[in-house]
Structure formats: structure tokens, C-alpha cells
Amino acid sequence: MPENREDWTMPRRELALIMLAEALAPIDIQFALTTAQTLTFTVFTIFFVPCFTSIGMIVKELGWKTAIQATLLTFFLATLLATMTRFLTPLIPI
């Protein structure tokens, strides 16, 4: 067992794009997803914070009500920003 607990915890959200690329391993990510889809996925992943550990710590420190509010707020914020990214990406010459 690793000495540092962080070495064996759940995958971090910063690695989500790498894990997506690994899941699509035989296929290059450029051919599986469009630029708009990749950016939308990235924006949503960045802004949607809560994982079980984060929610557990919010509950412990601030209570259930605040944990639910934080989870809903980040979900709706991430959804709004990802939707905006999805529709604005085609307007940007990439």
C-alpha cells in the first residue's frame, strides 16, 4: 500500500481528458470528437467540482444544506458554461 494516501485515491478531474483519450485508445481523439465536443467536455469537467470526497468535506465542515447548494450551483454553472462553449466554438476560427 502506498505511503501517501493521495497515491491511491480516485482519479483527479484534471486527468479526465487523459482518461478519455485512453478510453478511446485505438482511435485518435481528433477523429472521435470534434473540437467543439472536446472543448465542451473540458469546460464542464473544469467547472463541475464535486466528487464524493469534496462533497463529504463540505458536509463535514458546513453541513448538508451547503453541500447540496454547492453541488447544484457548480452543476448548473458547469452546464451553462459548457453549453455556451458548445455554441460559441464554431464561431471561433481554430
Protein backbone atom coordinates (compact mmCIF):
# COMPACT_ATOMS: atom_id res chain seq x y z
CA MET A 1 0.00 0.00 0.00
CA PRO A 2 1.39 3.46 -0.87
CA GLU A 3 2.77 5.55 1.94
CA ASN A 4 0.99 8.68 0.78
CA ARG A 5 -2.78 8.36 0.71
CA GLU A 6 -3.04 10.62 -2.35
CA ASP A 7 -1.22 7.97 -4.39
CA TRP A 8 -4.17 5.55 -4.31
CA THR A 9 -7.23 7.79 -4.20
CA MET A 10 -9.73 8.19 -7.03
CA PRO A 11 -8.55 9.77 -10.30
CA ARG A 12 -8.48 13.53 -10.24
CA ARG A 13 -10.61 15.61 -12.55
CA GLU A 14 -7.51 17.20 -14.08
CA LEU A 15 -6.81 13.81 -15.63
CA ALA A 16 -10.26 13.49 -17.23
CA LEU A 17 -9.05 14.38 -20.71
CA ILE A 18 -6.18 11.89 -20.46
CA MET A 19 -8.58 9.18 -19.25
CA LEU A 20 -10.91 9.99 -22.17
CA ALA A 21 -8.01 9.63 -24.60
CA GLU A 22 -7.09 6.29 -23.01
CA ALA A 23 -10.68 5.09 -23.28
CA LEU A 24 -10.57 5.89 -26.99
CA ALA A 25 -7.10 4.32 -27.25
CA PRO A 26 -7.34 2.70 -30.68
CA ILE A 27 -8.84 5.88 -32.11
CA ASP A 28 -7.11 9.25 -32.09
CA ILE A 29 -9.16 11.76 -30.07
CA GLN A 30 -9.16 14.15 -33.05
CA PHE A 31 -11.16 11.65 -35.07
CA ALA A 32 -13.51 10.59 -32.27
CA LEU A 33 -14.56 14.06 -31.09
CA THR A 34 -14.89 17.40 -32.79
CA THR A 35 -13.11 20.47 -31.44
CA ALA A 36 -16.41 21.76 -30.03
CA GLN A 37 -17.07 18.45 -28.23
CA THR A 38 -13.56 18.35 -26.75
CA LEU A 39 -13.76 21.94 -25.51
CA THR A 40 -17.26 21.40 -24.13
CA PHE A 41 -16.13 18.30 -22.22
CA THR A 42 -13.09 20.16 -20.88
CA VAL A 43 -15.08 23.21 -19.72
CA PHE A 44 -17.70 21.07 -17.99
CA THR A 45 -15.06 18.96 -16.27
CA ILE A 46 -13.17 22.01 -15.03
CA PHE A 47 -16.17 23.78 -13.56
CA PHE A 48 -18.04 20.79 -12.11
CA VAL A 49 -16.13 20.34 -8.86
CA PRO A 50 -17.96 17.93 -6.59
CA CYS A 51 -16.63 14.45 -6.23
CA PHE A 52 -17.64 12.29 -3.28
CA THR A 53 -14.63 13.41 -1.28
CA SER A 54 -15.32 17.11 -1.89
CA ILE A 55 -18.99 16.75 -1.02
CA GLY A 56 -18.08 14.79 2.11
CA MET A 57 -15.74 17.53 3.28
CA ILE A 58 -18.33 20.24 2.60
CA VAL A 59 -20.88 18.25 4.60
CA LYS A 60 -18.42 17.79 7.44
CA GLU A 61 -17.38 21.44 7.57
CA LEU A 62 -20.54 23.31 6.54
CA GLY A 63 -23.46 20.87 6.65
CA TRP A 64 -25.77 19.10 4.19
CA LYS A 65 -27.64 22.21 3.08
CA THR A 66 -24.47 23.96 1.94
CA ALA A 67 -23.15 20.78 0.30
CA ILE A 68 -26.34 20.39 -1.75
CA GLN A 69 -26.29 24.07 -2.69
CA ALA A 70 -22.63 23.89 -3.75
CA THR A 71 -23.24 20.75 -5.81
CA LEU A 72 -26.26 22.22 -7.59
CA LEU A 73 -24.56 25.57 -8.16
CA THR A 74 -21.46 24.03 -9.71
CA PHE A 75 -23.55 21.64 -11.80
CA PHE A 76 -25.68 24.43 -13.27
CA LEU A 77 -22.67 26.72 -13.73
CA ALA A 78 -20.73 23.95 -15.50
CA THR A 79 -23.74 23.13 -17.69
CA LEU A 80 -24.27 26.78 -18.61
CA LEU A 81 -20.60 27.37 -19.47
CA ALA A 82 -20.34 24.08 -21.39
CA THR A 83 -23.48 24.95 -23.38
CA MET A 84 -22.08 28.39 -24.17
CA THR A 85 -18.80 26.77 -25.23
CA ARG A 86 -20.64 24.31 -27.46
CA PHE A 87 -22.48 27.05 -29.34
CA LEU A 88 -19.69 29.63 -29.44
CA THR A 89 -16.86 27.31 -30.53
CA PRO A 90 -17.98 27.16 -34.19
CA LEU A 91 -17.71 30.97 -34.33
CA ILE A 92 -14.01 30.88 -33.43
CA PRO A 93 -11.63 30.07 -36.26
CA ILE A 94 -9.48 27.19 -34.99
